[in-house]
Amino acid sequence: MKPEELKYNPSHEWVGVTEESGVKVGTVGITAFALEQLTDLVYMALPKVGQKVTTGQEFGEVESVKAVSPLYSPVTGEVVAVHSELVDRLESLAADPYGDGWIIKVKLADPSGLDSLLTFDQYQKQCAE
């Protein structure tokens, strides 16, 4: 997915929505900007498939040598996939944050919640401030 096509949480998580068998699924990850701020990642805690996530609520965390940062869901729904291989190769996050660096996939409970997220331009402006 291209960064310009995604929606963003002010807390630096992104979501891209696709339709799979008539169901809207949001792929969630962390932005390149956040990864630059965190630098050397050492640990990541992820949810389990079947877990419910809610917009604005914590669904996991990422730990760098500098700090532990919670991950906040940009969408509400049920986790249908977890990129568990990331835990053993956190360096791949920074290499491709908007592709192979995805973290979870969520079957959306309410796609209208996407309207409250930032566009790419709005997110870029927030990062510049």
Protein backbone atom coordinates (compact mmCIF):
# COMPACT_ATOMS: atom_id res chain seq x y z
CA MET A 1 0.00 0.00 0.00
CA LYS A 2 1.13 3.51 -0.71
CA PRO A 3 1.32 5.90 2.28
CA GLU A 4 -0.85 8.40 0.35
CA GLU A 5 -3.72 5.86 0.24
CA LEU A 6 -3.77 5.16 3.99
CA LYS A 7 -5.51 6.76 6.98
CA TYR A 8 -3.60 7.68 10.13
CA ASN A 9 -4.01 7.84 13.90
CA PRO A 10 -2.47 10.94 15.48
CA SER A 11 -0.49 8.36 17.55
CA HIS A 12 1.35 7.17 14.37
CA GLU A 13 -0.51 3.98 13.41
CA TRP A 14 -1.79 3.63 9.84
CA VAL A 15 -4.63 1.61 8.33
CA GLY A 16 -5.33 0.58 4.77
CA VAL A 17 -8.70 -0.96 3.95
CA THR A 18 -9.36 -3.70 1.42
CA GLU A 19 -12.44 -5.77 0.72
CA GLU A 20 -12.11 -9.54 1.10
CA SER A 21 -15.17 -11.66 0.27
CA GLY A 22 -17.47 -8.68 0.83
CA VAL A 23 -15.94 -7.87 4.22
CA LYS A 24 -13.90 -4.72 4.85
CA VAL A 25 -10.53 -5.56 6.40
CA GLY A 26 -8.14 -2.97 7.78
CA THR A 27 -4.41 -3.68 7.67
CA VAL A 28 -2.68 -1.83 10.53
CA GLY A 29 0.95 -0.83 10.95
CA ILE A 30 3.26 1.85 12.38
CA THR A 31 4.40 4.82 10.33
CA ALA A 32 7.96 5.38 9.11
CA PHE A 33 8.02 8.60 11.15
CA ALA A 34 7.27 6.69 14.39
CA LEU A 35 9.90 4.08 13.57
CA GLU A 36 12.51 6.82 13.04
CA GLN A 37 11.66 8.27 16.45
CA LEU A 38 11.81 4.88 18.20
CA THR A 39 15.06 3.71 16.54
CA ASP A 40 16.41 0.30 17.67
CA LEU A 41 13.43 -1.97 18.36
CA VAL A 42 13.95 -4.81 20.83
CA TYR A 43 10.47 -6.21 21.54
CA MET A 44 6.87 -6.20 20.30
CA ALA A 45 3.70 -7.48 21.99
CA LEU A 46 0.84 -8.35 19.64
CA PRO A 47 -2.80 -9.33 20.13
CA LYS A 48 -4.20 -12.78 19.29
CA VAL A 49 -6.44 -13.63 16.34
CA GLY A 50 -10.06 -13.29 17.46
CA GLN A 51 -9.29 -10.48 19.91
CA LYS A 52 -11.54 -7.42 19.66
CA VAL A 53 -9.90 -4.02 19.17
CA THR A 54 -11.47 -0.59 19.57
CA THR A 55 -10.55 2.69 17.93
CA GLY A 56 -8.18 4.61 20.20
CA GLN A 57 -7.59 1.66 22.55
CA GLU A 58 -4.26 -0.09 23.07
CA PHE A 59 -3.82 -3.39 21.18
CA GLY A 60 -0.13 -4.04 21.78
CA GLU A 61 3.20 -2.36 22.35
CA VAL A 62 6.57 -1.87 20.79
CA GLU A 63 9.73 -1.43 22.80
CA SER A 64 12.93 0.24 21.66
CA VAL A 65 16.19 0.82 23.50
CA LYS A 66 14.74 4.26 24.35
CA ALA A 67 11.14 3.58 25.45
CA VAL A 68 8.07 1.37 25.49
CA SER A 69 5.31 2.72 23.25
CA PRO A 70 1.72 1.49 23.24
CA LEU A 71 0.10 0.70 19.88
CA TYR A 72 -3.39 2.20 19.47
CA SER A 73 -5.94 0.76 17.09
CA PRO A 74 -7.13 3.14 14.36
CA VAL A 75 -10.23 0.93 13.84
CA THR A 76 -12.82 -1.12 15.73
CA GLY A 77 -13.33 -4.78 14.94
CA GLU A 78 -11.96 -8.29 15.29
CA VAL A 79 -8.33 -9.26 14.68
CA VAL A 80 -8.31 -11.74 11.77
CA ALA A 81 -4.53 -11.94 11.21
CA VAL A 82 -1.39 -11.18 13.22
CA HIS A 83 2.02 -10.74 11.60
CA SER A 84 3.73 -12.84 14.28
CA GLU A 85 6.97 -13.25 12.28
CA LEU A 86 7.66 -9.56 12.95
CA VAL A 87 8.45 -10.32 16.58
CA ASP A 88 11.58 -12.21 15.51
CA ARG A 89 12.64 -9.72 12.84
CA LEU A 90 11.70 -6.25 14.05
CA GLU A 91 14.23 -4.72 11.65
CA SER A 92 11.84 -5.56 8.77
CA LEU A 93 9.40 -2.98 10.16
CA ALA A 94 11.64 -0.06 9.23
CA ALA A 95 12.65 -1.65 5.92
CA ASP A 96 9.04 -1.71 4.63
CA PRO A 97 6.66 -0.09 7.17
CA TYR A 98 3.75 0.16 4.71
CA GLY A 99 4.12 -3.29 3.15
CA ASP A 100 5.78 -6.26 4.82
CA GLY A 101 5.81 -4.29 8.09
CA TRP A 102 2.06 -4.62 8.67
CA ILE A 103 1.17 -5.69 12.23
CA ILE A 104 -2.46 -6.85 12.34
CA LYS A 105 -5.49 -7.20 10.09
CA VAL A 106 -8.89 -6.31 11.50
CA LYS A 107 -12.36 -7.17 10.20
CA LEU A 108 -14.00 -3.75 10.52
CA ALA A 109 -17.09 -3.49 12.72
CA ASP A 110 -17.89 0.03 11.47
CA PRO A 111 -16.04 1.41 8.42
CA SER A 112 -17.49 4.91 9.07
CA GLY A 113 -14.94 5.26 11.90
CA LEU A 114 -12.29 5.74 9.21
CA ASP A 115 -13.69 9.23 8.58
CA SER A 116 -12.27 10.50 11.87
CA LEU A 117 -8.69 9.47 10.98
CA LEU A 118 -6.10 11.75 9.41
CA THR A 119 -5.38 11.79 5.68
CA PHE A 120 -1.77 11.45 4.50
CA ASP A 121 -1.45 15.25 4.11
CA GLN A 122 -2.93 15.92 7.55
CA TYR A 123 -0.59 13.36 9.10
CA GLN A 124 2.46 14.85 7.32
CA LYS A 125 1.50 18.28 8.64
CA GLN A 126 1.19 16.90 12.20
CA CYS A 127 4.66 15.32 11.97
CA ALA A 128 6.19 18.57 10.73
CA GLU A 129 4.87 20.55 13.71
